[in-house]
C-alpha atoms as a PDB file:
ATOM      1  CA  UNK A   1     166.367   2.969 214.636  1.00  0.00           C
ATOM      2  CA  UNK A   2     163.240   0.826 213.772  1.00  0.00           C
ATOM      3  CA  UNK A   3     160.822  -0.755 216.302  1.00  0.00           C
ATOM      4  CA  UNK A   4     159.983  -4.460 216.005  1.00  0.00           C
ATOM      5  CA  UNK A   5     156.746  -5.278 216.586  1.00  0.00           C
ATOM      6  CA  UNK A   6     155.532  -7.492 219.597  1.00  0.00           C
ATOM      7  CA  UNK A   7     153.787 -10.576 218.189  1.00  0.00           C
ATOM      8  CA  UNK A   8     154.286 -14.193 218.142  1.00  0.00           C
ATOM      9  CA  UNK A   9     156.399 -15.525 215.002  1.00  0.00           C
ATOM     10  CA  UNK A  10     156.952 -18.918 213.244  1.00  0.00           C
ATOM     11  CA  UNK A  11     160.668 -20.221 213.140  1.00  0.00           C
ATOM     12  CA  UNK A  12     161.240 -18.488 210.034  1.00  0.00           C
ATOM     13  CA  UNK A  13     159.978 -14.960 211.123  1.00  0.00           C
ATOM     14  CA  UNK A  14     162.000 -15.594 214.394  1.00  0.00           C
ATOM     15  CA  UNK A  15     165.123 -15.880 212.654  1.00  0.00           C
ATOM     16  CA  UNK A  16     164.674 -13.059 210.366  1.00  0.00           C
ATOM     17  CA  UNK A  17     163.716 -10.851 213.388  1.00  0.00           C
ATOM     18  CA  UNK A  18     166.988 -11.828 215.062  1.00  0.00           C
ATOM     19  CA  UNK A  19     168.946 -10.806 211.806  1.00  0.00           C
ATOM     20  CA  UNK A  20     167.065  -7.449 211.232  1.00  0.00           C
ATOM     21  CA  UNK A  21     167.389  -6.420 214.799  1.00  0.00           C
ATOM     22  CA  UNK A  22     170.824  -7.139 214.825  1.00  0.00           C
ATOM     23  CA  UNK A  23     171.481  -5.540 211.443  1.00  0.00           C
ATOM     24  CA  UNK A  24     169.503  -2.260 212.608  1.00  0.00           C
ATOM     25  CA  UNK A  25     171.634  -2.102 215.574  1.00  0.00           C
ATOM     26  CA  UNK A  26     174.836  -3.328 214.196  1.00  0.00           C
ATOM     27  CA  UNK A  27     177.159  -0.280 214.844  1.00  0.00           C
ATOM     28  CA  UNK A  28     176.501   0.073 218.389  1.00  0.00           C
ATOM     29  CA  UNK A  29     176.687  -4.106 218.905  1.00  0.00           C
ATOM     30  CA  UNK A  30     179.924  -3.960 216.702  1.00  0.00           C
ATOM     31  CA  UNK A  31     181.456  -1.336 218.844  1.00  0.00           C
ATOM     32  CA  UNK A  32     180.439  -3.504 222.037  1.00  0.00           C
ATOM     33  CA  UNK A  33     182.099  -6.512 220.448  1.00  0.00           C
ATOM     34  CA  UNK A  34     185.276  -4.891 219.515  1.00  0.00           C
ATOM     35  CA  UNK A  35     185.505  -3.309 222.983  1.00  0.00           C
ATOM     36  CA  UNK A  36     185.274  -6.421 224.664  1.00  0.00           C
ATOM     37  CA  UNK A  37     186.829  -8.834 222.213  1.00  0.00           C
ATOM     38  CA  UNK A  38     190.032  -6.656 221.476  1.00  0.00           C
ATOM     39  CA  UNK A  39     192.062  -7.205 224.827  1.00  0.00           C
ATOM     40  CA  UNK A  40     191.753 -10.875 224.614  1.00  0.00           C
ATOM     41  CA  UNK A  41     193.067 -11.056 220.903  1.00  0.00           C
ATOM     42  CA  UNK A  42     195.731  -8.460 221.749  1.00  0.00           C
ATOM     43  CA  UNK A  43     197.179 -10.680 224.662  1.00  0.00           C
ATOM     44  CA  UNK A  44     196.682 -13.686 222.548  1.00  0.00           C
ATOM     45  CA  UNK A  45     198.366 -12.169 219.778  1.00  0.00           C
ATOM     46  CA  UNK A  46     201.218 -10.915 221.711  1.00  0.00           C
ATOM     47  CA  UNK A  47     201.842 -14.095 223.553  1.00  0.00           C
ATOM     48  CA  UNK A  48     201.262 -16.682 220.928  1.00  0.00           C
ATOM     49  CA  UNK A  49     204.489 -18.023 219.568  1.00  0.00           C
ATOM     50  CA  UNK A  50     205.169 -18.459 215.738  1.00  0.00           C
ATOM     51  CA  UNK A  51     203.926 -21.959 214.995  1.00  0.00           C
ATOM     52  CA  UNK A  52     205.711 -23.686 212.387  1.00  0.00           C
ATOM     53  CA  UNK A  53     204.005 -24.630 209.268  1.00  0.00           C
ATOM     54  CA  UNK A  54     202.547 -28.181 208.500  1.00  0.00           C
ATOM     55  CA  UNK A  55     205.465 -30.606 207.493  1.00  0.00           C
ATOM     56  CA  UNK A  56     208.298 -28.322 209.316  1.00  0.00           C
ATOM     57  CA  UNK A  57     209.684 -29.267 212.352  1.00  0.00           C
ATOM     58  CA  UNK A  58     207.489 -30.297 215.353  1.00  0.00           C
ATOM     59  CA  UNK A  59     206.785 -27.808 217.932  1.00  0.00           C
ATOM     60  CA  UNK A  60     208.918 -28.041 221.109  1.00  0.00           C
ATOM     61  CA  UNK A  61     207.343 -28.653 224.567  1.00  0.00           C
ATOM     62  CA  UNK A  62     208.046 -25.081 225.358  1.00  0.00           C
ATOM     63  CA  UNK A  63     206.227 -23.761 222.427  1.00  0.00           C
ATOM     64  CA  UNK A  64     203.159 -25.803 223.054  1.00  0.00           C
ATOM     65  CA  UNK A  65     203.288 -24.758 226.733  1.00  0.00           C
ATOM     66  CA  UNK A  66     203.212 -21.141 225.411  1.00  0.00           C
ATOM     67  CA  UNK A  67     200.328 -21.804 223.080  1.00  0.00           C
ATOM     68  CA  UNK A  68     198.149 -22.803 226.335  1.00  0.00           C
ATOM     69  CA  UNK A  69     199.452 -19.712 228.167  1.00  0.00           C
ATOM     70  CA  UNK A  70     198.328 -17.410 225.571  1.00  0.00           C
ATOM     71  CA  UNK A  71     194.983 -18.972 225.104  1.00  0.00           C
ATOM     72  CA  UNK A  72     194.273 -19.208 228.719  1.00  0.00           C
ATOM     73  CA  UNK A  73     195.401 -15.917 229.328  1.00  0.00           C
ATOM     74  CA  UNK A  74     193.035 -14.366 226.697  1.00  0.00           C
ATOM     75  CA  UNK A  75     190.155 -16.562 227.591  1.00  0.00           C
ATOM     76  CA  UNK A  76     190.547 -15.328 231.369  1.00  0.00           C
ATOM     77  CA  UNK A  77     190.410 -11.564 230.161  1.00  0.00           C
ATOM     78  CA  UNK A  78     187.335 -12.483 227.918  1.00  0.00           C
ATOM     79  CA  UNK A  79     185.644 -14.138 230.934  1.00  0.00           C
ATOM     80  CA  UNK A  80     185.957 -10.980 232.692  1.00  0.00           C
ATOM     81  CA  UNK A  81     184.727  -8.779 229.930  1.00  0.00           C
ATOM     82  CA  UNK A  82     181.931 -11.124 228.575  1.00  0.00           C
ATOM     83  CA  UNK A  83     179.265 -10.150 231.284  1.00  0.00           C
ATOM     84  CA  UNK A  84     179.661  -6.382 230.236  1.00  0.00           C
ATOM     85  CA  UNK A  85     179.301  -7.453 226.618  1.00  0.00           C
ATOM     86  CA  UNK A  86     176.232  -9.184 227.528  1.00  0.00           C
ATOM     87  CA  UNK A  87     174.676  -6.662 229.369  1.00  0.00           C
ATOM     88  CA  UNK A  88     175.420  -3.496 227.210  1.00  0.00           C
ATOM     89  CA  UNK A  89     174.359  -5.774 224.016  1.00  0.00           C
ATOM     90  CA  UNK A  90     170.663  -6.492 225.957  1.00  0.00           C
ATOM     91  CA  UNK A  91     170.409  -2.541 226.548  1.00  0.00           C
ATOM     92  CA  UNK A  92     171.010  -1.878 223.191  1.00  0.00           C
ATOM     93  CA  UNK A  93     168.683  -4.400 221.534  1.00  0.00           C
ATOM     94  CA  UNK A  94     165.726  -4.199 223.946  1.00  0.00           C
ATOM     95  CA  UNK A  95     164.712  -0.655 223.044  1.00  0.00           C
ATOM     96  CA  UNK A  96     163.776  -2.249 219.687  1.00  0.00           C
ATOM     97  CA  UNK A  97     160.740  -3.959 221.348  1.00  0.00           C
ATOM     98  CA  UNK A  98     159.928  -1.215 223.941  1.00  0.00           C
ATOM     99  CA  UNK A  99     160.594   1.919 221.864  1.00  0.00           C
ATOM    100  CA  UNK A 100     162.560   3.808 224.558  1.00  0.00           C
ATOM    101  CA  UNK A 101     166.080   3.914 223.357  1.00  0.00           C
ATOM    102  CA  UNK A 102     168.599   4.698 226.221  1.00  0.00           C
ATOM    103  CA  UNK A 103     171.515   6.951 226.114  1.00  0.00           C
ATOM    104  CA  UNK A 104     174.999   5.377 226.528  1.00  0.00           C
ATOM    105  CA  UNK A 105     175.588   6.721 229.951  1.00  0.00           C
ATOM    106  CA  UNK A 106     172.461   4.899 231.145  1.00  0.00           C
ATOM    107  CA  UNK A 107     173.529   1.696 229.076  1.00  0.00           C
ATOM    108  CA  UNK A 108     176.944   1.584 230.643  1.00  0.00           C
ATOM    109  CA  UNK A 109     175.176   2.465 234.168  1.00  0.00           C
ATOM    110  CA  UNK A 110     172.801  -0.284 234.142  1.00  0.00           C
ATOM    111  CA  UNK A 111     175.211  -2.934 233.010  1.00  0.00           C
ATOM    112  CA  UNK A 112     177.802  -2.090 235.677  1.00  0.00           C
ATOM    113  CA  UNK A 113     175.305  -2.102 238.447  1.00  0.00           C
ATOM    114  CA  UNK A 114     174.315  -5.575 237.717  1.00  0.00           C
ATOM    115  CA  UNK A 115     178.017  -6.666 236.711  1.00  0.00           C
ATOM    116  CA  UNK A 116     178.693  -9.033 239.745  1.00  0.00           C
ATOM    117  CA  UNK A 117     175.284 -10.600 239.105  1.00  0.00           C
ATOM    118  CA  UNK A 118     175.932 -11.212 235.317  1.00  0.00           C
ATOM    119  CA  UNK A 119     179.471 -12.573 236.216  1.00  0.00           C
ATOM    120  CA  UNK A 120     178.007 -15.353 238.417  1.00  0.00           C
ATOM    121  CA  UNK A 121     175.547 -16.046 235.890  1.00  0.00           C
ATOM    122  CA  UNK A 122     178.136 -16.367 233.148  1.00  0.00           C
ATOM    123  CA  UNK A 123     180.322 -18.588 235.571  1.00  0.00           C
ATOM    124  CA  UNK A 124     177.424 -21.044 236.384  1.00  0.00           C
ATOM    125  CA  UNK A 125     176.186 -21.313 232.977  1.00  0.00           C
ATOM    126  CA  UNK A 126     179.643 -21.650 231.219  1.00  0.00           C
ATOM    127  CA  UNK A 127     180.377 -24.236 233.986  1.00  0.00           C
ATOM    128  CA  UNK A 128     177.281 -26.371 233.456  1.00  0.00           C
ATOM    129  CA  UNK A 129     177.628 -26.317 229.673  1.00  0.00           C
ATOM    130  CA  UNK A 130     181.314 -26.958 229.646  1.00  0.00           C
ATOM    131  CA  UNK A 131     180.643 -30.033 231.823  1.00  0.00           C
ATOM    132  CA  UNK A 132     177.465 -31.014 229.386  1.00  0.00           C
ATOM    133  CA  UNK A 133     179.822 -30.904 226.387  1.00  0.00           C
ATOM    134  CA  UNK A 134     181.935 -33.457 227.871  1.00  0.00           C
ATOM    135  CA  UNK A 135     179.408 -36.099 227.698  1.00  0.00           C
ATOM    136  CA  UNK A 136     178.864 -36.537 223.906  1.00  0.00           C
ATOM    137  CA  UNK A 137     178.094 -32.772 223.531  1.00  0.00           C
ATOM    138  CA  UNK A 138     174.009 -33.396 223.774  1.00  0.00           C
ATOM    139  CA  UNK A 139     173.863 -32.418 227.538  1.00  0.00           C
ATOM    140  CA  UNK A 140     175.775 -29.098 226.912  1.00  0.00           C
ATOM    141  CA  UNK A 141     173.420 -28.064 223.959  1.00  0.00           C
ATOM    142  CA  UNK A 142     170.596 -28.850 226.145  1.00  0.00           C
ATOM    143  CA  UNK A 143     171.711 -26.800 228.989  1.00  0.00           C
ATOM    144  CA  UNK A 144     172.426 -24.132 226.312  1.00  0.00           C
ATOM    145  CA  UNK A 145     168.787 -24.012 225.298  1.00  0.00           C
ATOM    146  CA  UNK A 146     167.608 -24.051 228.888  1.00  0.00           C
ATOM    147  CA  UNK A 147     169.571 -20.944 229.919  1.00  0.00           C
ATOM    148  CA  UNK A 148     169.524 -19.205 226.516  1.00  0.00           C
ATOM    149  CA  UNK A 149     167.774 -16.121 227.731  1.00  0.00           C
ATOM    150  CA  UNK A 150     168.893 -15.967 231.503  1.00  0.00           C
ATOM    151  CA  UNK A 151     171.021 -13.097 231.193  1.00  0.00           C
ATOM    152  CA  UNK A 152     168.366 -11.149 229.473  1.00  0.00           C
ATOM    153  CA  UNK A 153     165.797 -12.133 232.316  1.00  0.00           C
ATOM    154  CA  UNK A 154     168.441 -11.007 234.920  1.00  0.00           C
ATOM    155  CA  UNK A 155     168.693  -7.555 233.179  1.00  0.00           C
ATOM    156  CA  UNK A 156     165.271  -6.566 232.245  1.00  0.00           C
ATOM    157  CA  UNK A 157     163.575  -8.132 235.246  1.00  0.00           C
ATOM    158  CA  UNK A 158     166.052  -7.240 237.794  1.00  0.00           C
ATOM    159  CA  UNK A 159     166.132 -10.844 239.096  1.00  0.00           C
ATOM    160  CA  UNK A 160     169.174 -12.596 240.925  1.00  0.00           C
ATOM    161  CA  UNK A 161     171.340 -14.734 238.872  1.00  0.00           C
ATOM    162  CA  UNK A 162     169.686 -18.233 240.244  1.00  0.00           C
ATOM    163  CA  UNK A 163     166.383 -16.785 239.963  1.00  0.00           C
ATOM    164  CA  UNK A 164     167.265 -15.836 236.214  1.00  0.00           C
ATOM    165  CA  UNK A 165     168.351 -19.488 235.471  1.00  0.00           C
ATOM    166  CA  UNK A 166     164.972 -20.861 236.629  1.00  0.00           C
ATOM    167  CA  UNK A 167     163.142 -17.897 234.783  1.00  0.00           C
ATOM    168  CA  UNK A 168     165.050 -19.087 231.631  1.00  0.00           C
ATOM    169  CA  UNK A 169     164.077 -22.652 232.137  1.00  0.00           C
ATOM    170  CA  UNK A 170     160.589 -21.755 232.616  1.00  0.00           C
ATOM    171  CA  UNK A 171     160.182 -19.257 229.503  1.00  0.00           C
ATOM    172  CA  UNK A 172     162.003 -21.810 227.236  1.00  0.00           C
ATOM    173  CA  UNK A 173     160.217 -24.840 228.136  1.00  0.00           C
ATOM    174  CA  UNK A 174     158.285 -26.145 225.191  1.00  0.00           C
ATOM    175  CA  UNK A 175     160.147 -24.096 222.732  1.00  0.00           C
ATOM    176  CA  UNK A 176     163.770 -25.543 223.138  1.00  0.00           C
ATOM    177  CA  UNK A 177     163.735 -27.248 219.334  1.00  0.00           C
ATOM    178  CA  UNK A 178     163.290 -23.787 218.044  1.00  0.00           C
ATOM    179  CA  UNK A 179     166.004 -22.266 220.240  1.00  0.00           C
ATOM    180  CA  UNK A 180     168.224 -24.906 219.268  1.00  0.00           C
ATOM    181  CA  UNK A 181     167.779 -23.943 215.612  1.00  0.00           C
ATOM    182  CA  UNK A 182     168.410 -19.982 216.431  1.00  0.00           C
ATOM    183  CA  UNK A 183     171.362 -21.124 218.172  1.00  0.00           C
ATOM    184  CA  UNK A 184     172.949 -22.939 215.248  1.00  0.00           C
ATOM    185  CA  UNK A 185     172.180 -20.185 213.021  1.00  0.00           C
ATOM    186  CA  UNK A 186     173.671 -17.376 214.651  1.00  0.00           C
ATOM    187  CA  UNK A 187     176.521 -19.269 216.496  1.00  0.00           C
ATOM    188  CA  UNK A 188     177.481 -21.773 213.745  1.00  0.00           C
ATOM    189  CA  UNK A 189     176.126 -21.168 210.343  1.00  0.00           C
ATOM    190  CA  UNK A 190     176.477 -17.429 210.108  1.00  0.00           C
ATOM    191  CA  UNK A 191     180.177 -17.288 211.433  1.00  0.00           C
ATOM    192  CA  UNK A 192     181.138 -19.852 208.702  1.00  0.00           C
ATOM    193  CA  UNK A 193     180.361 -17.332 206.000  1.00  0.00           C
ATOM    194  CA  UNK A 194     183.352 -15.471 207.383  1.00  0.00           C
ATOM    195  CA  UNK A 195     185.495 -18.652 206.959  1.00  0.00           C
ATOM    196  CA  UNK A 196     187.428 -17.323 203.636  1.00  0.00           C
ATOM    197  CA  UNK A 197     188.341 -14.054 205.312  1.00  0.00           C
ATOM    198  CA  UNK A 198     189.660 -15.873 208.402  1.00  0.00           C
ATOM    199  CA  UNK A 199     191.601 -18.117 205.911  1.00  0.00           C
ATOM    200  CA  UNK A 200     193.065 -15.125 204.287  1.00  0.00           C
ATOM    201  CA  UNK A 201     194.359 -13.967 207.553  1.00  0.00           C
ATOM    202  CA  UNK A 202     196.471 -17.052 207.660  1.00  0.00           C
ATOM    203  CA  UNK A 203     198.831 -15.735 204.793  1.00  0.00           C
ATOM    204  CA  UNK A 204     200.056 -12.745 207.127  1.00  0.00           C
ATOM    205  CA  UNK A 205     203.484 -13.432 208.207  1.00  0.00           C
ATOM    206  CA  UNK A 206     202.796 -11.992 212.080  1.00  0.00           C
ATOM    207  CA  UNK A 207     201.067 -14.146 214.520  1.00  0.00           C
ATOM    208  CA  UNK A 208     199.526 -10.980 215.943  1.00  0.00           C
ATOM    209  CA  UNK A 209     198.126 -10.058 212.633  1.00  0.00           C
ATOM    210  CA  UNK A 210     196.759 -13.173 212.017  1.00  0.00           C
ATOM    211  CA  UNK A 211     195.110 -13.343 215.786  1.00  0.00           C
ATOM    212  CA  UNK A 212     193.834  -9.769 215.247  1.00  0.00           C
ATOM    213  CA  UNK A 213     192.307 -10.111 211.499  1.00  0.00           C
ATOM    214  CA  UNK A 214     190.821 -13.566 212.297  1.00  0.00           C
ATOM    215  CA  UNK A 215     189.245 -12.405 215.596  1.00  0.00           C
ATOM    216  CA  UNK A 216     188.013  -9.111 214.283  1.00  0.00           C
ATOM    217  CA  UNK A 217     186.090 -11.403 211.747  1.00  0.00           C
ATOM    218  CA  UNK A 218     184.358 -13.132 214.103  1.00  0.00           C
ATOM    219  CA  UNK A 219     183.481 -10.287 216.290  1.00  0.00           C
ATOM    220  CA  UNK A 220     181.178  -9.208 213.005  1.00  0.00           C
ATOM    221  CA  UNK A 221     179.063 -12.327 213.468  1.00  0.00           C
ATOM    222  CA  UNK A 222     178.946 -12.066 217.406  1.00  0.00           C
ATOM    223  CA  UNK A 223     176.586  -9.062 216.935  1.00  0.00           C
ATOM    224  CA  UNK A 224     173.926 -11.509 215.736  1.00  0.00           C
ATOM    225  CA  UNK A 225     174.747 -13.702 218.505  1.00  0.00           C
ATOM    226  CA  UNK A 226     174.271 -10.949 221.012  1.00  0.00           C
ATOM    227  CA  UNK A 227     170.818  -9.731 219.549  1.00  0.00           C
ATOM    228  CA  UNK A 228     169.346 -13.129 219.437  1.00  0.00           C
ATOM    229  CA  UNK A 229     168.652 -14.069 222.890  1.00  0.00           C
ATOM    230  CA  UNK A 230     166.783 -10.631 223.373  1.00  0.00           C
ATOM    231  CA  UNK A 231     164.492 -11.190 220.416  1.00  0.00           C
ATOM    232  CA  UNK A 232     164.020 -14.675 221.552  1.00  0.00           C
ATOM    233  CA  UNK A 233     163.232 -13.660 225.197  1.00  0.00           C
ATOM    234  CA  UNK A 234     160.320 -11.234 223.808  1.00  0.00           C
ATOM    235  CA  UNK A 235     158.908 -13.739 221.557  1.00  0.00           C
ATOM    236  CA  UNK A 236     158.667 -16.078 224.635  1.00  0.00           C
ATOM    237  CA  UNK A 237     156.945 -13.449 226.744  1.00  0.00           C
ATOM    238  CA  UNK A 238     154.605 -12.716 223.783  1.00  0.00           C
ATOM    239  CA  UNK A 239     153.932 -16.647 223.405  1.00  0.00           C
ATOM    240  CA  UNK A 240     153.728 -17.576 226.824  1.00  0.00           C
ATOM    241  CA  UNK A 241     152.693 -14.662 228.610  1.00  0.00           C
ATOM    242  CA  UNK A 242     150.462 -12.642 226.017  1.00  0.00           C
ATOM    243  CA  UNK A 243     152.743  -9.609 226.484  1.00  0.00           C
ATOM    244  CA  UNK A 244     151.301  -7.842 223.423  1.00  0.00           C
ATOM    245  CA  UNK A 245     147.693  -8.268 224.901  1.00  0.00           C
ATOM    246  CA  UNK A 246     148.750  -6.662 228.177  1.00  0.00           C
ATOM    247  CA  UNK A 247     150.478  -3.778 226.283  1.00  0.00           C
ATOM    248  CA  UNK A 248     146.993  -3.322 224.407  1.00  0.00           C
ATOM    249  CA  UNK A 249     145.054  -3.126 227.754  1.00  0.00           C
ATOM    250  CA  UNK A 250     147.343  -0.568 229.223  1.00  0.00           C
ATOM    251  CA  UNK A 251     146.870   1.603 225.820  1.00  0.00           C
ATOM    252  CA  UNK A 252     143.200   1.146 226.331  1.00  0.00           C
ATOM    253  CA  UNK A 253     143.315   2.132 229.957  1.00  0.00           C
ATOM    254  CA  UNK A 254     145.531   5.331 228.948  1.00  0.00           C
ATOM    255  CA  UNK A 255     142.885   6.177 226.293  1.00  0.00           C
ATOM    256  CA  UNK A 256     140.216   5.916 228.885  1.00  0.00           C
ATOM    257  CA  UNK A 257     142.047   7.948 231.425  1.00  0.00           C
ATOM    258  CA  UNK A 258     142.608  10.682 228.633  1.00  0.00           C
ATOM    259  CA  UNK A 259     139.073  10.937 227.867  1.00  0.00           C
ATOM    260  CA  UNK A 260     138.136  10.912 231.562  1.00  0.00           C
ATOM    261  CA  UNK A 261     140.623  14.296 232.192  1.00  0.00           C
ATOM    262  CA  UNK A 262     138.966  15.920 229.018  1.00  0.00           C
ATOM    263  CA  UNK A 263     135.373  15.307 230.162  1.00  0.00           C
ATOM    264  CA  UNK A 264     136.232  16.846 233.602  1.00  0.00           C
ATOM    265  CA  UNK A 265     137.827  19.924 232.218  1.00  0.00           C
ATOM    266  CA  UNK A 266     136.685  23.336 233.730  1.00  0.00           C
ATOM    267  CA  UNK A 267     135.684  24.959 230.509  1.00  0.00           C
ATOM    268  CA  UNK A 268     135.774  24.364 226.702  1.00  0.00           C
ATOM    269  CA  UNK A 269     138.427  26.845 225.880  1.00  0.00           C
ATOM    270  CA  UNK A 270     140.808  25.278 228.663  1.00  0.00           C
ATOM    271  CA  UNK A 271     142.865  22.249 227.903  1.00  0.00           C
ATOM    272  CA  UNK A 272     142.506  19.312 230.242  1.00  0.00           C
ATOM    273  CA  UNK A 273     145.755  18.132 231.982  1.00  0.00           C
ATOM    274  CA  UNK A 274     147.615  15.578 230.032  1.00  0.00           C
ATOM    275  CA  UNK A 275     148.636  12.127 231.630  1.00  0.00           C
ATOM    276  CA  UNK A 276     151.500  11.682 233.575  1.00  0.00           C
ATOM    277  CA  UNK A 277     153.504  10.750 230.398  1.00  0.00           C
ATOM    278  CA  UNK A 278     152.924  11.272 226.651  1.00  0.00           C
ATOM    279  CA  UNK A 279     152.670  14.292 224.194  1.00  0.00           C
ATOM    280  CA  UNK A 280     150.688  16.526 226.903  1.00  0.00           C
ATOM    281  CA  UNK A 281     152.650  15.310 230.031  1.00  0.00           C
ATOM    282  CA  UNK A 282     156.287  15.382 228.652  1.00  0.00           C
ATOM    283  CA  UNK A 283     158.916  12.834 228.968  1.00  0.00           C
ATOM    284  CA  UNK A 284     157.913   9.386 230.335  1.00  0.00           C
ATOM    285  CA  UNK A 285     159.000   8.079 233.638  1.00  0.00           C
ATOM    286  CA  UNK A 286     162.325   6.357 233.763  1.00  0.00           C
ATOM    287  CA  UNK A 287     161.600   2.626 233.386  1.00  0.00           C
ATOM    288  CA  UNK A 288     163.369  -0.709 232.748  1.00  0.00           C
ATOM    289  CA  UNK A 289     163.135  -1.393 228.993  1.00  0.00           C
ATOM    290  CA  UNK A 290     162.238  -4.756 230.031  1.00  0.00           C
ATOM    291  CA  UNK A 291     158.838  -3.798 231.377  1.00  0.00           C
ATOM    292  CA  UNK A 292     157.435  -3.765 227.722  1.00  0.00           C
ATOM    293  CA  UNK A 293     155.415  -0.543 227.698  1.00  0.00           C
ATOM    294  CA  UNK A 294     154.899   2.585 229.856  1.00  0.00           C
ATOM    295  CA  UNK A 295     152.651   2.470 232.826  1.00  0.00           C
ATOM    296  CA  UNK A 296     148.904   3.538 232.271  1.00  0.00           C
ATOM    297  CA  UNK A 297     148.277   7.177 233.131  1.00  0.00           C
ATOM    298  CA  UNK A 298     146.800   7.961 236.539  1.00  0.00           C
ATOM    299  CA  UNK A 299     143.089   9.143 235.858  1.00  0.00           C
END
């Protein structure tokens, strides 16, 4: 998997980075999407009644009630799994910028450890945005841009869910129009390209088959929506906090420490001890990918 450069991008480059990072990690993201989306689809497909075609006998009250029960049960299951989807996707995408890929066991462990906070965060954001959408959509869209990187900040900076909301607000301030455009692209425009496949699913006579095919087509495009907040988060860190300059400074310190260690070598024929991490020192110490770069070596 390729490493993505930490630098400031214009809007077109930012959208391109969201798409390229998601495409580079498409397999793992698709697996996560299927695992978290499939239970909802199965429940909805099994509980959903066969809805009569347009022009046929109007549906009965019992059929309408069953539709609501199926939709509600599926959404409840997805609400429980959605925080896991967010966490797993974040740890999969973050190494695109840090260059330190995590094994699946570690990805799952870190996600499960922060699941309660992720659940509280998703409930809070979902409630706020839902209430906002009731008022002519605009407040909901505004709140969506405010909290767009909240889950990423919660995980990569190890924050509480309330602190993550405030952190996201601070990072997105002054950049929410761009975030809105990215949100439109990954949440609305890209999924629209799968409309023909979703329409094709409607010819399947089985309600379960229609639900599964239509839902699985959506999962393909969900991968881009999962990757975009991580890409936007690192972009905001670069723009507002000069994250790339900090990394450069750490690398300079590392080079100076290595030079000092070599200068203090006891003899020309002996190799000076390497830093605490790197080619001479073995594997780097474990660190959250959100830190952005390995710490400077001790002199």
